[in-house]
Amino acid sequence: MIVREILAQEGHVYLTGNLEIPVEDMVGKWRLRPDILVVPNTVIEVDGPYHKTPTERRKTKWRDALLVGAGYRVIHIDSELTKNQKLRDYLKTELNKAIQETEAIVRIDA
């Protein structure tokens, strides 16, 4: 995956695979599974087209709130950026900026 390649090239420590982040809200306890966790506290999600549906937007907003409440930052990357080799430099630049950001939620769109 292009995002992992960029992270590795830039020297960021990250985890992928069967990750689970335990979080809690007023309704109950949850285990969220991020696409990538950049150590120590940044979650990266690569969002496909289905994330643009109203239902998925609400779900994403809920997940983001849980993660931020648990002390994580969230970076969302439009999946189109990971499919187009011509956009690799743009993605690399924007991802590095996003990791340095202090904002709790950052979006990188195509």
PDB file of N, CA and C in Angstrom:
ATOM      1  N   MET A   1       0.843  -1.177   0.000  1.00  0.00           N
ATOM      2  CA  MET A   1       0.000   0.000   0.000  1.00  0.00           C
ATOM      3  C   MET A   1       0.888   1.240   0.000  1.00  0.00           C
ATOM      4  N   ILE A   2       0.537   2.193  -0.810  1.00  0.00           N
ATOM      5  CA  ILE A   2       1.341   3.392  -1.010  1.00  0.00           C
ATOM      6  C   ILE A   2       1.505   4.192   0.291  1.00  0.00           C
ATOM      7  N   VAL A   3       0.491   4.228   1.134  1.00  0.00           N
ATOM      8  CA  VAL A   3       0.586   4.989   2.384  1.00  0.00           C
ATOM      9  C   VAL A   3       1.659   4.382   3.282  1.00  0.00           C
ATOM     10  N   ARG A   4       1.695   3.071   3.383  1.00  0.00           N
ATOM     11  CA  ARG A   4       2.725   2.421   4.206  1.00  0.00           C
ATOM     12  C   ARG A   4       4.109   2.672   3.633  1.00  0.00           C
ATOM     13  N   GLU A   5       4.235   2.659   2.318  1.00  0.00           N
ATOM     14  CA  GLU A   5       5.531   2.939   1.688  1.00  0.00           C
ATOM     15  C   GLU A   5       6.012   4.345   2.034  1.00  0.00           C
ATOM     16  N   ILE A   6       5.116   5.312   1.948  1.00  0.00           N
ATOM     17  CA  ILE A   6       5.472   6.702   2.267  1.00  0.00           C
ATOM     18  C   ILE A   6       5.871   6.814   3.737  1.00  0.00           C
ATOM     19  N   LEU A   7       5.103   6.212   4.618  1.00  0.00           N
ATOM     20  CA  LEU A   7       5.425   6.266   6.048  1.00  0.00           C
ATOM     21  C   LEU A   7       6.805   5.668   6.318  1.00  0.00           C
ATOM     22  N   ALA A   8       7.084   4.531   5.700  1.00  0.00           N
ATOM     23  CA  ALA A   8       8.382   3.873   5.900  1.00  0.00           C
ATOM     24  C   ALA A   8       9.516   4.736   5.368  1.00  0.00           C
ATOM     25  N   GLN A   9       9.353   5.312   4.183  1.00  0.00           N
ATOM     26  CA  GLN A   9      10.383   6.163   3.590  1.00  0.00           C
ATOM     27  C   GLN A   9      10.677   7.380   4.454  1.00  0.00           C
ATOM     28  N   GLU A  10       9.646   7.895   5.097  1.00  0.00           N
ATOM     29  CA  GLU A  10       9.792   9.101   5.922  1.00  0.00           C
ATOM     30  C   GLU A  10      10.215   8.773   7.357  1.00  0.00           C
ATOM     31  N   GLY A  11      10.371   7.497   7.666  1.00  0.00           N
ATOM     32  CA  GLY A  11      10.853   7.098   8.984  1.00  0.00           C
ATOM     33  C   GLY A  11       9.811   7.079  10.088  1.00  0.00           C
ATOM     34  N   HIS A  12       8.535   7.069   9.723  1.00  0.00           N
ATOM     35  CA  HIS A  12       7.477   7.013  10.727  1.00  0.00           C
ATOM     36  C   HIS A  12       7.288   5.567  11.189  1.00  0.00           C
ATOM     37  N   VAL A  13       7.112   5.382  12.468  1.00  0.00           N
ATOM     38  CA  VAL A  13       6.836   4.062  13.017  1.00  0.00           C
ATOM     39  C   VAL A  13       5.328   3.850  12.958  1.00  0.00           C
ATOM     40  N   TYR A  14       4.920   2.741  12.372  1.00  0.00           N
ATOM     41  CA  TYR A  14       3.483   2.504  12.209  1.00  0.00           C
ATOM     42  C   TYR A  14       3.166   1.028  12.364  1.00  0.00           C
ATOM     43  N   LEU A  15       1.905   0.755  12.625  1.00  0.00           N
ATOM     44  CA  LEU A  15       1.398  -0.609  12.770  1.00  0.00           C
ATOM     45  C   LEU A  15       0.208  -0.789  11.845  1.00  0.00           C
ATOM     46  N   THR A  16       0.060  -1.973  11.301  1.00  0.00           N
ATOM     47  CA  THR A  16      -1.106  -2.321  10.495  1.00  0.00           C
ATOM     48  C   THR A  16      -1.540  -3.728  10.882  1.00  0.00           C
ATOM     49  N   GLY A  17      -2.576  -4.199  10.262  1.00  0.00           N
ATOM     50  CA  GLY A  17      -3.010  -5.565  10.529  1.00  0.00           C
ATOM     51  C   GLY A  17      -4.201  -5.596  11.454  1.00  0.00           C
ATOM     52  N   ASN A  18      -4.206  -6.545  12.356  1.00  0.00           N
ATOM     53  CA  ASN A  18      -5.347  -6.735  13.254  1.00  0.00           C
ATOM     54  C   ASN A  18      -5.260  -5.818  14.468  1.00  0.00           C
ATOM     55  N   LEU A  19      -5.270  -4.526  14.210  1.00  0.00           N
ATOM     56  CA  LEU A  19      -5.198  -3.542  15.286  1.00  0.00           C
ATOM     57  C   LEU A  19      -6.570  -3.350  15.911  1.00  0.00           C
ATOM     58  N   GLU A  20      -6.581  -3.136  17.194  1.00  0.00           N
ATOM     59  CA  GLU A  20      -7.819  -2.804  17.892  1.00  0.00           C
ATOM     60  C   GLU A  20      -7.522  -1.719  18.910  1.00  0.00           C
ATOM     61  N   ILE A  21      -8.340  -0.695  18.898  1.00  0.00           N
ATOM     62  CA  ILE A  21      -8.227   0.376  19.874  1.00  0.00           C
ATOM     63  C   ILE A  21      -9.473   0.349  20.738  1.00  0.00           C
ATOM     64  N   PRO A  22      -9.309   0.040  22.024  1.00  0.00           N
ATOM     65  CA  PRO A  22     -10.483   0.047  22.897  1.00  0.00           C
ATOM     66  C   PRO A  22     -10.895   1.480  23.219  1.00  0.00           C
ATOM     67  N   VAL A  23     -12.162   1.779  23.024  1.00  0.00           N
ATOM     68  CA  VAL A  23     -12.717   3.100  23.322  1.00  0.00           C
ATOM     69  C   VAL A  23     -14.062   2.912  24.020  1.00  0.00           C
ATOM     70  N   GLU A  24     -14.557   4.013  24.560  1.00  0.00           N
ATOM     71  CA  GLU A  24     -15.810   3.927  25.293  1.00  0.00           C
ATOM     72  C   GLU A  24     -16.595   5.219  25.106  1.00  0.00           C
ATOM     73  N   ASP A  25     -17.909   5.085  25.040  1.00  0.00           N
ATOM     74  CA  ASP A  25     -18.778   6.259  25.037  1.00  0.00           C
ATOM     75  C   ASP A  25     -19.927   5.995  26.000  1.00  0.00           C
ATOM     76  N   MET A  26     -20.940   6.834  25.968  1.00  0.00           N
ATOM     77  CA  MET A  26     -22.054   6.686  26.904  1.00  0.00           C
ATOM     78  C   MET A  26     -22.856   5.415  26.648  1.00  0.00           C
ATOM     79  N   VAL A  27     -22.771   4.879  25.453  1.00  0.00           N
ATOM     80  CA  VAL A  27     -23.546   3.691  25.101  1.00  0.00           C
ATOM     81  C   VAL A  27     -22.834   2.407  25.523  1.00  0.00           C
ATOM     82  N   GLY A  28     -21.515   2.386  25.391  1.00  0.00           N
ATOM     83  CA  GLY A  28     -20.800   1.168  25.741  1.00  0.00           C
ATOM     84  C   GLY A  28     -19.332   1.214  25.371  1.00  0.00           C
ATOM     85  N   LYS A  29     -18.719   0.050  25.430  1.00  0.00           N
ATOM     86  CA  LYS A  29     -17.311  -0.094  25.084  1.00  0.00           C
ATOM     87  C   LYS A  29     -17.211  -0.668  23.681  1.00  0.00           C
ATOM     88  N   TRP A  30     -16.230  -0.167  22.927  1.00  0.00           N
ATOM     89  CA  TRP A  30     -16.064  -0.550  21.528  1.00  0.00           C
ATOM     90  C   TRP A  30     -14.616  -0.884  21.250  1.00  0.00           C
ATOM     91  N   ARG A  31     -14.383  -1.646  20.207  1.00  0.00           N
ATOM     92  CA  ARG A  31     -13.025  -1.928  19.726  1.00  0.00           C
ATOM     93  C   ARG A  31     -12.986  -1.487  18.268  1.00  0.00           C
ATOM     94  N   LEU A  32     -12.313  -0.373  18.023  1.00  0.00           N
ATOM     95  CA  LEU A  32     -12.222   0.153  16.667  1.00  0.00           C
ATOM     96  C   LEU A  32     -10.988  -0.416  15.990  1.00  0.00           C
ATOM     97  N   ARG A  33     -11.102  -0.688  14.714  1.00  0.00           N
ATOM     98  CA  ARG A  33      -9.996  -1.280  13.939  1.00  0.00           C
ATOM     99  C   ARG A  33      -9.537  -0.292  12.871  1.00  0.00           C
ATOM    100  N   PRO A  34      -8.488   0.468  13.165  1.00  0.00           N
ATOM    101  CA  PRO A  34      -7.994   1.438  12.177  1.00  0.00           C
ATOM    102  C   PRO A  34      -7.216   0.750  11.066  1.00  0.00           C
ATOM    103  N   ASP A  35      -7.112   1.429   9.920  1.00  0.00           N
ATOM    104  CA  ASP A  35      -6.298   0.909   8.819  1.00  0.00           C
ATOM    105  C   ASP A  35      -4.824   0.908   9.210  1.00  0.00           C
ATOM    106  N   ILE A  36      -4.365   2.039   9.752  1.00  0.00           N
ATOM    107  CA  ILE A  36      -2.962   2.204  10.127  1.00  0.00           C
ATOM    108  C   ILE A  36      -2.908   3.014  11.415  1.00  0.00           C
ATOM    109  N   LEU A  37      -1.990   2.652  12.309  1.00  0.00           N
ATOM    110  CA  LEU A  37      -1.744   3.423  13.517  1.00  0.00           C
ATOM    111  C   LEU A  37      -0.304   3.906  13.465  1.00  0.00           C
ATOM    112  N   VAL A  38      -0.126   5.223  13.391  1.00  0.00           N
ATOM    113  CA  VAL A  38       1.210   5.797  13.411  1.00  0.00           C
ATOM    114  C   VAL A  38       1.541   6.054  14.876  1.00  0.00           C
ATOM    115  N   VAL A  39       2.652   5.486  15.315  1.00  0.00           N
ATOM    116  CA  VAL A  39       3.047   5.598  16.707  1.00  0.00           C
ATOM    117  C   VAL A  39       3.433   7.044  16.986  1.00  0.00           C
ATOM    118  N   PRO A  40       3.004   7.657  18.088  1.00  0.00           N
ATOM    119  CA  PRO A  40       2.298   7.000  19.173  1.00  0.00           C
ATOM    120  C   PRO A  40       0.780   7.109  19.114  1.00  0.00           C
ATOM    121  N   ASN A  41       0.207   8.124  18.435  1.00  0.00           N
ATOM    122  CA  ASN A  41      -1.231   8.333  18.651  1.00  0.00           C
ATOM    123  C   ASN A  41      -1.996   8.879  17.448  1.00  0.00           C
ATOM    124  N   THR A  42      -1.625   8.474  16.254  1.00  0.00           N
ATOM    125  CA  THR A  42      -2.326   8.954  15.065  1.00  0.00           C
ATOM    126  C   THR A  42      -2.882   7.783  14.268  1.00  0.00           C
ATOM    127  N   VAL A  43      -4.165   7.849  14.003  1.00  0.00           N
ATOM    128  CA  VAL A  43      -4.835   6.821  13.199  1.00  0.00           C
ATOM    129  C   VAL A  43      -4.960   7.351  11.774  1.00  0.00           C
ATOM    130  N   ILE A  44      -4.632   6.500  10.809  1.00  0.00           N
ATOM    131  CA  ILE A  44      -4.822   6.849   9.405  1.00  0.00           C
ATOM    132  C   ILE A  44      -5.878   5.933   8.824  1.00  0.00           C
ATOM    133  N   GLU A  45      -6.878   6.534   8.216  1.00  0.00           N
ATOM    134  CA  GLU A  45      -7.944   5.791   7.550  1.00  0.00           C
ATOM    135  C   GLU A  45      -7.936   6.142   6.069  1.00  0.00           C
ATOM    136  N   VAL A  46      -7.925   5.125   5.217  1.00  0.00           N
ATOM    137  CA  VAL A  46      -8.031   5.333   3.774  1.00  0.00           C
ATOM    138  C   VAL A  46      -9.494   5.105   3.419  1.00  0.00           C
ATOM    139  N   ASP A  47     -10.156   6.181   2.998  1.00  0.00           N
ATOM    140  CA  ASP A  47     -11.597   6.166   2.786  1.00  0.00           C
ATOM    141  C   ASP A  47     -11.961   5.963   1.322  1.00  0.00           C
ATOM    142  N   GLY A  48     -12.680   4.877   1.059  1.00  0.00           N
ATOM    143  CA  GLY A  48     -13.168   4.596  -0.283  1.00  0.00           C
ATOM    144  C   GLY A  48     -14.443   5.381  -0.565  1.00  0.00           C
ATOM    145  N   PRO A  49     -15.004   5.215  -1.767  1.00  0.00           N
ATOM    146  CA  PRO A  49     -16.191   5.968  -2.183  1.00  0.00           C
ATOM    147  C   PRO A  49     -17.401   5.782  -1.272  1.00  0.00           C
ATOM    148  N   TYR A  50     -17.541   4.615  -0.662  1.00  0.00           N
ATOM    149  CA  TYR A  50     -18.700   4.369   0.195  1.00  0.00           C
ATOM    150  C   TYR A  50     -18.700   5.283   1.423  1.00  0.00           C
ATOM    151  N   HIS A  51     -17.564   5.854   1.771  1.00  0.00           N
ATOM    152  CA  HIS A  51     -17.483   6.775   2.910  1.00  0.00           C
ATOM    153  C   HIS A  51     -18.219   8.086   2.638  1.00  0.00           C
ATOM    154  N   LYS A  52     -18.645   8.289   1.401  1.00  0.00           N
ATOM    155  CA  LYS A  52     -19.342   9.527   1.045  1.00  0.00           C
ATOM    156  C   LYS A  52     -20.855   9.411   1.200  1.00  0.00           C
ATOM    157  N   THR A  53     -21.337   8.222   1.556  1.00  0.00           N
ATOM    158  CA  THR A  53     -22.774   8.064   1.771  1.00  0.00           C
ATOM    159  C   THR A  53     -23.151   8.676   3.119  1.00  0.00           C
ATOM    160  N   PRO A  54     -24.388   9.149   3.264  1.00  0.00           N
ATOM    161  CA  PRO A  54     -24.805   9.758   4.536  1.00  0.00           C
ATOM    162  C   PRO A  54     -24.601   8.847   5.749  1.00  0.00           C
ATOM    163  N   THR A  55     -24.919   7.577   5.595  1.00  0.00           N
ATOM    164  CA  THR A  55     -24.767   6.644   6.712  1.00  0.00           C
ATOM    165  C   THR A  55     -23.305   6.511   7.116  1.00  0.00           C
ATOM    166  N   GLU A  56     -22.433   6.354   6.142  1.00  0.00           N
ATOM    167  CA  GLU A  56     -21.011   6.205   6.445  1.00  0.00           C
ATOM    168  C   GLU A  56     -20.407   7.495   6.994  1.00  0.00           C
ATOM    169  N   ARG A  57     -20.912   8.638   6.541  1.00  0.00           N
ATOM    170  CA  ARG A  57     -20.427   9.917   7.098  1.00  0.00           C
ATOM    171  C   ARG A  57     -20.745  10.004   8.586  1.00  0.00           C
ATOM    172  N   ARG A  58     -21.956   9.607   8.953  1.00  0.00           N
ATOM    173  CA  ARG A  58     -22.334   9.624  10.370  1.00  0.00           C
ATOM    174  C   ARG A  58     -21.474   8.652  11.171  1.00  0.00           C
ATOM    175  N   LYS A  59     -21.272   7.470  10.619  1.00  0.00           N
ATOM    176  CA  LYS A  59     -20.465   6.462  11.302  1.00  0.00           C
ATOM    177  C   LYS A  59     -19.019   6.959  11.457  1.00  0.00           C
ATOM    178  N   THR A  60     -18.475   7.567  10.420  1.00  0.00           N
ATOM    179  CA  THR A  60     -17.107   8.093  10.481  1.00  0.00           C
ATOM    180  C   THR A  60     -17.000   9.194  11.531  1.00  0.00           C
ATOM    181  N   LYS A  61     -17.979  10.062  11.577  1.00  0.00           N
ATOM    182  CA  LYS A  61     -17.982  11.147  12.561  1.00  0.00           C
ATOM    183  C   LYS A  61     -18.015  10.577  13.988  1.00  0.00           C
ATOM    184  N   TRP A  62     -18.817   9.553  14.191  1.00  0.00           N
ATOM    185  CA  TRP A  62     -18.903   8.885  15.492  1.00  0.00           C
ATOM    186  C   TRP A  62     -17.565   8.247  15.868  1.00  0.00           C
ATOM    187  N   ARG A  63     -16.974   7.511  14.925  1.00  0.00           N
ATOM    188  CA  ARG A  63     -15.673   6.867  15.178  1.00  0.00           C
ATOM    189  C   ARG A  63     -14.604   7.914  15.481  1.00  0.00           C
ATOM    190  N   ASP A  64     -14.581   8.984  14.691  1.00  0.00           N
ATOM    191  CA  ASP A  64     -13.600  10.047  14.913  1.00  0.00           C
ATOM    192  C   ASP A  64     -13.736  10.620  16.319  1.00  0.00           C
ATOM    193  N   ALA A  65     -14.971  10.868  16.744  1.00  0.00           N
ATOM    194  CA  ALA A  65     -15.200  11.424  18.081  1.00  0.00           C
ATOM    195  C   ALA A  65     -14.701  10.470  19.163  1.00  0.00           C
ATOM    196  N   LEU A  66     -14.938   9.177  18.980  1.00  0.00           N
ATOM    197  CA  LEU A  66     -14.452   8.192  19.953  1.00  0.00           C
ATOM    198  C   LEU A  66     -12.920   8.178  19.997  1.00  0.00           C
ATOM    199  N   LEU A  67     -12.296   8.183  18.831  1.00  0.00           N
ATOM    200  CA  LEU A  67     -10.836   8.148  18.781  1.00  0.00           C
ATOM    201  C   LEU A  67     -10.214   9.412  19.376  1.00  0.00           C
ATOM    202  N   VAL A  68     -10.758  10.555  19.007  1.00  0.00           N
ATOM    203  CA  VAL A  68     -10.245  11.824  19.552  1.00  0.00           C
ATOM    204  C   VAL A  68     -10.443  11.853  21.070  1.00  0.00           C
ATOM    205  N   GLY A  69     -11.591  11.397  21.531  1.00  0.00           N
ATOM    206  CA  GLY A  69     -11.852  11.336  22.967  1.00  0.00           C
ATOM    207  C   GLY A  69     -10.892  10.431  23.712  1.00  0.00           C
ATOM    208  N   ALA A  70     -10.361   9.431  23.013  1.00  0.00           N
ATOM    209  CA  ALA A  70      -9.405   8.502  23.616  1.00  0.00           C
ATOM    210  C   ALA A  70      -7.960   8.990  23.453  1.00  0.00           C
ATOM    211  N   GLY A  71      -7.795  10.187  22.869  1.00  0.00           N
ATOM    212  CA  GLY A  71      -6.457  10.761  22.769  1.00  0.00           C
ATOM    213  C   GLY A  71      -5.735  10.546  21.449  1.00  0.00           C
ATOM    214  N   TYR A  72      -6.458  10.109  20.436  1.00  0.00           N
ATOM    215  CA  TYR A  72      -5.863   9.886  19.121  1.00  0.00           C
ATOM    216  C   TYR A  72      -6.176  11.037  18.180  1.00  0.00           C
ATOM    217  N   ARG A  73      -5.300  11.236  17.207  1.00  0.00           N
ATOM    218  CA  ARG A  73      -5.570  12.123  16.078  1.00  0.00           C
ATOM    219  C   ARG A  73      -5.990  11.220  14.928  1.00  0.00           C
ATOM    220  N   VAL A  74      -6.772  11.752  13.994  1.00  0.00           N
ATOM    221  CA  VAL A  74      -7.256  10.948  12.865  1.00  0.00           C
ATOM    222  C   VAL A  74      -6.938  11.665  11.559  1.00  0.00           C
ATOM    223  N   ILE A  75      -6.328  10.932  10.633  1.00  0.00           N
ATOM    224  CA  ILE A  75      -6.066  11.431   9.287  1.00  0.00           C
ATOM    225  C   ILE A  75      -6.861  10.567   8.317  1.00  0.00           C
ATOM    226  N   HIS A  76      -7.730  11.211   7.532  1.00  0.00           N
ATOM    227  CA  HIS A  76      -8.494  10.509   6.503  1.00  0.00           C
ATOM    228  C   HIS A  76      -7.859  10.808   5.146  1.00  0.00           C
ATOM    229  N   ILE A  77      -7.614   9.756   4.381  1.00  0.00           N
ATOM    230  CA  ILE A  77      -7.039   9.897   3.042  1.00  0.00           C
ATOM    231  C   ILE A  77      -8.035   9.373   2.024  1.00  0.00           C
ATOM    232  N   ASP A  78      -8.355  10.186   1.035  1.00  0.00           N
ATOM    233  CA  ASP A  78      -9.223   9.765  -0.067  1.00  0.00           C
ATOM    234  C   ASP A  78      -8.516   8.635  -0.816  1.00  0.00           C
ATOM    235  N   SER A  79      -9.180   7.512  -0.953  1.00  0.00           N
ATOM    236  CA  SER A  79      -8.551   6.340  -1.575  1.00  0.00           C
ATOM    237  C   SER A  79      -8.094   6.597  -3.009  1.00  0.00           C
ATOM    238  N   GLU A  80      -8.686   7.577  -3.684  1.00  0.00           N
ATOM    239  CA  GLU A  80      -8.256   7.896  -5.057  1.00  0.00           C
ATOM    240  C   GLU A  80      -6.780   8.302  -5.087  1.00  0.00           C
ATOM    241  N   LEU A  81      -6.299   8.899  -4.011  1.00  0.00           N
ATOM    242  CA  LEU A  81      -4.888   9.297  -3.948  1.00  0.00           C
ATOM    243  C   LEU A  81      -3.948   8.104  -3.899  1.00  0.00           C
ATOM    244  N   THR A  82      -4.437   6.986  -3.424  1.00  0.00           N
ATOM    245  CA  THR A  82      -3.588   5.803  -3.313  1.00  0.00           C
ATOM    246  C   THR A  82      -3.566   4.990  -4.605  1.00  0.00           C
ATOM    247  N   LYS A  83      -4.449   5.326  -5.541  1.00  0.00           N
ATOM    248  CA  LYS A  83      -4.560   4.572  -6.785  1.00  0.00           C
ATOM    249  C   LYS A  83      -3.824   5.216  -7.948  1.00  0.00           C
ATOM    250  N   ASN A  84      -3.503   6.486  -7.820  1.00  0.00           N
ATOM    251  CA  ASN A  84      -2.929   7.234  -8.930  1.00  0.00           C
ATOM    252  C   ASN A  84      -1.460   7.559  -8.644  1.00  0.00           C
ATOM    253  N   GLN A  85      -0.567   6.904  -9.359  1.00  0.00           N
ATOM    254  CA  GLN A  85       0.872   7.093  -9.165  1.00  0.00           C
ATOM    255  C   GLN A  85       1.284   8.553  -9.385  1.00  0.00           C
ATOM    256  N   LYS A  86       0.569   9.245 -10.254  1.00  0.00           N
ATOM    257  CA  LYS A  86       0.897  10.645 -10.540  1.00  0.00           C
ATOM    258  C   LYS A  86       0.663  11.542  -9.323  1.00  0.00           C
ATOM    259  N   LEU A  87      -0.184  11.099  -8.415  1.00  0.00           N
ATOM    260  CA  LEU A  87      -0.498  11.896  -7.226  1.00  0.00           C
ATOM    261  C   LEU A  87       0.355  11.515  -6.014  1.00  0.00           C
ATOM    262  N   ARG A  88       1.316  10.636  -6.215  1.00  0.00           N
ATOM    263  CA  ARG A  88       2.136  10.141  -5.099  1.00  0.00           C
ATOM    264  C   ARG A  88       2.881  11.269  -4.376  1.00  0.00           C
ATOM    265  N   ASP A  89       3.499  12.189  -5.121  1.00  0.00           N
ATOM    266  CA  ASP A  89       4.233  13.285  -4.486  1.00  0.00           C
ATOM    267  C   ASP A  89       3.295  14.176  -3.687  1.00  0.00           C
ATOM    268  N   TYR A  90       2.126  14.448  -4.249  1.00  0.00           N
ATOM    269  CA  TYR A  90       1.122  15.239  -3.544  1.00  0.00           C
ATOM    270  C   TYR A  90       0.725  14.544  -2.240  1.00  0.00           C
ATOM    271  N   LEU A  91       0.446  13.237  -2.322  1.00  0.00           N
ATOM    272  CA  LEU A  91       0.056  12.479  -1.136  1.00  0.00           C
ATOM    273  C   LEU A  91       1.175  12.505  -0.103  1.00  0.00           C
ATOM    274  N   LYS A  92       2.387  12.301  -0.535  1.00  0.00           N
ATOM    275  CA  LYS A  92       3.534  12.302   0.381  1.00  0.00           C
ATOM    276  C   LYS A  92       3.637  13.641   1.117  1.00  0.00           C
ATOM    277  N   THR A  93       3.559  14.727   0.377  1.00  0.00           N
ATOM    278  CA  THR A  93       3.639  16.061   0.979  1.00  0.00           C
ATOM    279  C   THR A  93       2.504  16.290   1.963  1.00  0.00           C
ATOM    280  N   GLU A  94       1.288  15.988   1.539  1.00  0.00           N
ATOM    281  CA  GLU A  94       0.117  16.234   2.385  1.00  0.00           C
ATOM    282  C   GLU A  94       0.096  15.321   3.612  1.00  0.00           C
ATOM    283  N   LEU A  95       0.548  14.078   3.458  1.00  0.00           N
ATOM    284  CA  LEU A  95       0.586  13.158   4.591  1.00  0.00           C
ATOM    285  C   LEU A  95       1.595  13.632   5.628  1.00  0.00           C
ATOM    286  N   ASN A  96       2.761  14.071   5.174  1.00  0.00           N
ATOM    287  CA  ASN A  96       3.755  14.586   6.120  1.00  0.00           C
ATOM    288  C   ASN A  96       3.240  15.821   6.844  1.00  0.00           C
ATOM    289  N   LYS A  97       2.556  16.706   6.123  1.00  0.00           N
ATOM    290  CA  LYS A  97       1.963  17.891   6.761  1.00  0.00           C
ATOM    291  C   LYS A  97       0.914  17.468   7.791  1.00  0.00           C
ATOM    292  N   ALA A  98       0.082  16.512   7.411  1.00  0.00           N
ATOM    293  CA  ALA A  98      -0.996  16.069   8.299  1.00  0.00           C
ATOM    294  C   ALA A  98      -0.446  15.447   9.582  1.00  0.00           C
ATOM    295  N   ILE A  99       0.624  14.696   9.470  1.00  0.00           N
ATOM    296  CA  ILE A  99       1.214  14.077  10.659  1.00  0.00           C
ATOM    297  C   ILE A  99       1.762  15.143  11.604  1.00  0.00           C
ATOM    298  N   GLN A 100       2.254  16.235  11.045  1.00  0.00           N
ATOM    299  CA  GLN A 100       2.798  17.329  11.859  1.00  0.00           C
ATOM    300  C   GLN A 100       1.715  18.254  12.418  1.00  0.00           C
ATOM    301  N   GLU A 101       0.531  18.206  11.851  1.00  0.00           N
ATOM    302  CA  GLU A 101      -0.584  19.058  12.272  1.00  0.00           C
ATOM    303  C   GLU A 101      -0.922  18.844  13.742  1.00  0.00           C
ATOM    304  N   THR A 102      -1.531  19.845  14.320  1.00  0.00           N
ATOM    305  CA  THR A 102      -2.028  19.702  15.688  1.00  0.00           C
ATOM    306  C   THR A 102      -3.539  19.476  15.709  1.00  0.00           C
ATOM    307  N   GLU A 103      -4.181  19.632  14.553  1.00  0.00           N
ATOM    308  CA  GLU A 103      -5.625  19.399  14.472  1.00  0.00           C
ATOM    309  C   GLU A 103      -5.944  17.940  14.807  1.00  0.00           C
ATOM    310  N   ALA A 104      -7.080  17.720  15.454  1.00  0.00           N
ATOM    311  CA  ALA A 104      -7.466  16.372  15.854  1.00  0.00           C
ATOM    312  C   ALA A 104      -7.878  15.517  14.654  1.00  0.00           C
ATOM    313  N   ILE A 105      -8.513  16.142  13.658  1.00  0.00           N
ATOM    314  CA  ILE A 105      -8.976  15.408  12.474  1.00  0.00           C
ATOM    315  C   ILE A 105      -8.528  16.159  11.239  1.00  0.00           C
ATOM    316  N   VAL A 106      -7.831  15.443  10.343  1.00  0.00           N
ATOM    317  CA  VAL A 106      -7.329  16.041   9.116  1.00  0.00           C
ATOM    318  C   VAL A 106      -7.800  15.181   7.948  1.00  0.00           C
ATOM    319  N   ARG A 107      -8.208  15.839   6.869  1.00  0.00           N
ATOM    320  CA  ARG A 107      -8.622  15.131   5.650  1.00  0.00           C
ATOM    321  C   ARG A 107      -7.696  15.480   4.509  1.00  0.00           C
ATOM    322  N   ILE A 108      -7.274  14.471   3.773  1.00  0.00           N
ATOM    323  CA  ILE A 108      -6.466  14.671   2.578  1.00  0.00           C
ATOM    324  C   ILE A 108      -7.310  14.186   1.413  1.00  0.00           C
ATOM    325  N   ASP A 109      -7.781  15.125   0.616  1.00  0.00           N
ATOM    326  CA  ASP A 109      -8.666  14.795  -0.505  1.00  0.00           C
ATOM    327  C   ASP A 109      -7.929  14.877  -1.838  1.00  0.00           C
ATOM    328  N   ALA A 110      -8.432  14.118  -2.801  1.00  0.00           N
ATOM    329  CA  ALA A 110      -7.855  14.125  -4.144  1.00  0.00           C
ATOM    330  C   ALA A 110      -8.208  15.408  -4.848  1.00  0.00           C
TER     331      ALA A 110
END
